[in-house]
C-alpha atoms as a PDB file:
ATOM      1  CA  PHE A   1       5.398   7.826   0.868  1.00  0.00           C
ATOM      2  CA  LEU A   2       2.227   6.277  -0.475  1.00  0.00           C
ATOM      3  CA  ARG A   3       0.140   7.774  -3.252  1.00  0.00           C
ATOM      4  CA  PRO A   4      -2.723   8.534  -3.701  1.00  0.00           C
ATOM      5  CA  THR A   5      -2.968  10.164  -0.276  1.00  0.00           C
ATOM      6  CA  GLY A   6      -5.441  12.156   1.794  1.00  0.00           C
ATOM      7  CA  CYS A   7      -7.877   9.304   2.431  1.00  0.00           C
ATOM      8  CA  THR A   8      -8.318   9.397   6.187  1.00  0.00           C
ATOM      9  CA  ALA A   9     -10.376   7.254   8.562  1.00  0.00           C
ATOM     10  CA  SER A  10     -12.727  10.182   9.166  1.00  0.00           C
ATOM     11  CA  ASP A  11     -12.923  11.109   5.463  1.00  0.00           C
ATOM     12  CA  PRO A  12     -12.185   8.012   3.343  1.00  0.00           C
ATOM     13  CA  CYS A  13     -11.860   8.210  -0.418  1.00  0.00           C
ATOM     14  CA  ARG A  14     -14.834   6.736  -2.218  1.00  0.00           C
ATOM     15  CA  THR A  15     -14.644   4.411  -5.158  1.00  0.00           C
ATOM     16  CA  SER A  16     -17.183   2.197  -6.881  1.00  0.00           C
ATOM     17  CA  THR A  17     -17.385  -1.587  -6.782  1.00  0.00           C
ATOM     18  CA  GLY A  18     -15.174  -3.071  -9.487  1.00  0.00           C
ATOM     19  CA  SER A  19     -12.933  -0.020  -9.782  1.00  0.00           C
ATOM     20  CA  THR A  20      -9.139  -0.295  -9.707  1.00  0.00           C
ATOM     21  CA  VAL A  21      -6.821   2.133  -7.923  1.00  0.00           C
ATOM     22  CA  LEU A  22      -3.074   2.265  -8.638  1.00  0.00           C
ATOM     23  CA  PHE A  23      -1.085   2.725  -5.423  1.00  0.00           C
ATOM     24  CA  THR A  24       2.526   3.902  -5.604  1.00  0.00           C
ATOM     25  CA  ALA A  25       5.024   3.619  -2.761  1.00  0.00           C
ATOM     26  CA  ILE A  26       8.012   5.921  -3.142  1.00  0.00           C
ATOM     27  CA  ALA A  27      11.425   4.971  -1.745  1.00  0.00           C
ATOM     28  CA  ARG A  28      14.912   6.357  -2.249  1.00  0.00           C
ATOM     29  CA  PRO A  29      16.361   4.451  -5.246  1.00  0.00           C
ATOM     30  CA  ASN A  30      19.178   2.016  -4.486  1.00  0.00           C
ATOM     31  CA  ARG A  31      22.500   1.984  -6.270  1.00  0.00           C
ATOM     32  CA  PRO A  32      22.664  -0.932  -8.745  1.00  0.00           C
ATOM     33  CA  GLU A  33      25.280  -2.865  -6.737  1.00  0.00           C
ATOM     34  CA  LEU A  34      23.052  -2.967  -3.627  1.00  0.00           C
ATOM     35  CA  PRO A  35      20.351  -5.578  -2.894  1.00  0.00           C
ATOM     36  CA  GLN A  36      16.957  -5.154  -4.543  1.00  0.00           C
ATOM     37  CA  GLN A  37      14.543  -3.162  -2.385  1.00  0.00           C
ATOM     38  CA  GLN A  38      11.009  -4.452  -1.883  1.00  0.00           C
ATOM     39  CA  VAL A  39       7.799  -2.934  -0.570  1.00  0.00           C
ATOM     40  CA  GLN A  40       5.105  -4.891   1.221  1.00  0.00           C
ATOM     41  CA  PHE A  41       1.610  -3.582   0.510  1.00  0.00           C
ATOM     42  CA  THR A  42      -1.111  -4.608   2.971  1.00  0.00           C
ATOM     43  CA  VAL A  43      -4.816  -4.203   2.167  1.00  0.00           C
ATOM     44  CA  GLN A  44      -7.292  -4.754   4.991  1.00  0.00           C
ATOM     45  CA  ARG A  45     -11.107  -4.808   4.996  1.00  0.00           C
ATOM     46  CA  ARG A  46     -13.276  -3.937   7.971  1.00  0.00           C
ATOM     47  CA  SER A  47     -15.006  -6.941   9.489  1.00  0.00           C
ATOM     48  CA  GLY A  48     -17.142  -5.927  12.444  1.00  0.00           C
ATOM     49  CA  SER A  49     -15.007  -3.713  14.671  1.00  0.00           C
ATOM     50  CA  THR A  50     -11.621  -4.891  13.331  1.00  0.00           C
ATOM     51  CA  PHE A  51      -9.708  -4.915  10.058  1.00  0.00           C
ATOM     52  CA  VAL A  52      -8.697  -8.215   8.424  1.00  0.00           C
ATOM     53  CA  ALA A  53      -5.952  -8.572   5.797  1.00  0.00           C
ATOM     54  CA  VAL A  54      -7.374  -9.432   2.380  1.00  0.00           C
ATOM     55  CA  LEU A  55      -4.154  -8.918   0.411  1.00  0.00           C
ATOM     56  CA  VAL A  56      -0.466  -8.841   1.331  1.00  0.00           C
ATOM     57  CA  GLN A  57       1.727  -8.328  -1.730  1.00  0.00           C
ATOM     58  CA  ILE A  58       5.494  -7.791  -1.999  1.00  0.00           C
ATOM     59  CA  VAL A  59       6.593  -5.667  -4.964  1.00  0.00           C
ATOM     60  CA  ASN A  60      10.113  -4.809  -6.154  1.00  0.00           C
ATOM     61  CA  VAL A  61      11.173  -1.164  -6.110  1.00  0.00           C
ATOM     62  CA  GLY A  62      12.134  -0.025  -9.607  1.00  0.00           C
ATOM     63  CA  SER A  63      15.143   2.066 -10.582  1.00  0.00           C
ATOM     64  CA  SER A  64      12.970   5.189 -10.249  1.00  0.00           C
ATOM     65  CA  GLY A  65      12.374   4.387  -6.568  1.00  0.00           C
ATOM     66  CA  GLU A  66       8.736   3.409  -7.064  1.00  0.00           C
ATOM     67  CA  ALA A  67       6.809   0.228  -6.325  1.00  0.00           C
ATOM     68  CA  GLN A  68       3.269   0.010  -7.682  1.00  0.00           C
ATOM     69  CA  LEU A  69       0.247  -2.118  -6.919  1.00  0.00           C
ATOM     70  CA  ASN A  70      -3.147  -2.141  -8.643  1.00  0.00           C
ATOM     71  CA  VAL A  71      -6.004  -2.906  -6.245  1.00  0.00           C
ATOM     72  CA  THR A  72      -9.450  -3.773  -7.592  1.00  0.00           C
ATOM     73  CA  PHE A  73     -12.242  -3.251  -5.070  1.00  0.00           C
ATOM     74  CA  ASN A  74     -14.701  -6.049  -5.943  1.00  0.00           C
ATOM     75  CA  THR A  75     -16.627  -6.110  -2.666  1.00  0.00           C
ATOM     76  CA  ALA A  76     -18.439  -3.308  -0.853  1.00  0.00           C
ATOM     77  CA  GLY A  77     -16.937  -2.267   2.464  1.00  0.00           C
ATOM     78  CA  THR A  78     -14.360  -0.109   4.184  1.00  0.00           C
ATOM     79  CA  TYR A  79     -10.722  -0.769   3.342  1.00  0.00           C
ATOM     80  CA  ARG A  80      -7.383   0.525   4.525  1.00  0.00           C
ATOM     81  CA  LEU A  81      -4.017   0.145   2.840  1.00  0.00           C
ATOM     82  CA  ARG A  82      -0.405   0.867   3.747  1.00  0.00           C
ATOM     83  CA  ALA A  83       3.074   0.120   2.480  1.00  0.00           C
ATOM     84  CA  ASN A  84       6.304  -0.811   4.229  1.00  0.00           C
ATOM     85  CA  LEU A  85       9.823  -0.870   2.777  1.00  0.00           C
ATOM     86  CA  LEU A  86      11.297  -4.243   3.748  1.00  0.00           C
ATOM     87  CA  PRO A  87      14.805  -4.523   5.206  1.00  0.00           C
ATOM     88  CA  THR A  88      17.758  -5.788   3.156  1.00  0.00           C
ATOM     89  CA  SER A  89      21.202  -6.948   4.218  1.00  0.00           C
ATOM     90  CA  VAL A  90      22.395  -3.311   4.099  1.00  0.00           C
ATOM     91  CA  ASN A  91      19.417  -1.336   5.419  1.00  0.00           C
ATOM     92  CA  ALA A  92      17.205  -1.628   8.466  1.00  0.00           C
ATOM     93  CA  ASN A  93      13.449  -1.745   8.892  1.00  0.00           C
ATOM     94  CA  SER A  94      11.483   1.314   7.905  1.00  0.00           C
ATOM     95  CA  PHE A  95       8.276   2.569   9.444  1.00  0.00           C
ATOM     96  CA  PRO A  96       5.120   1.695   7.499  1.00  0.00           C
ATOM     97  CA  THR A  97       3.175   4.485   5.859  1.00  0.00           C
ATOM     98  CA  GLU A  98       0.034   5.855   7.435  1.00  0.00           C
ATOM     99  CA  PHE A  99      -3.111   3.970   6.434  1.00  0.00           C
ATOM    100  CA  GLU A 100      -5.115   5.258   3.469  1.00  0.00           C
ATOM    101  CA  TYR A 101      -8.834   4.519   3.790  1.00  0.00           C
ATOM    102  CA  TYR A 102     -11.316   3.680   1.036  1.00  0.00           C
ATOM    103  CA  ARG A 103     -15.093   3.253   1.151  1.00  0.00           C
ATOM    104  CA  VAL A 104     -16.778   1.085  -1.482  1.00  0.00           C
ATOM    105  CA  PRO A 105     -20.589   1.438  -1.338  1.00  0.00           C
END
């Protein structure tokens, strides 16, 4: 899961230039003896008719099962963001979250 949610392509969340949004990816917590879980956050910005990655960040999942990333929107545009739990030696790939869309006027 990725929070905040509800920001769709047809109805993106709006935020102002220079504002920071805290994104939280929620995973099932690992037992301490298992390998550290990590989440890859991908932030893309619309460029013409496509989206281009502007940030790819890997964050460790904490003992609460959460990985967090602050994103500051410094440039106007349309953005989309998703998270993906990376595989470890004892678990397989997961599906990435749905994209969350943001509009910065």
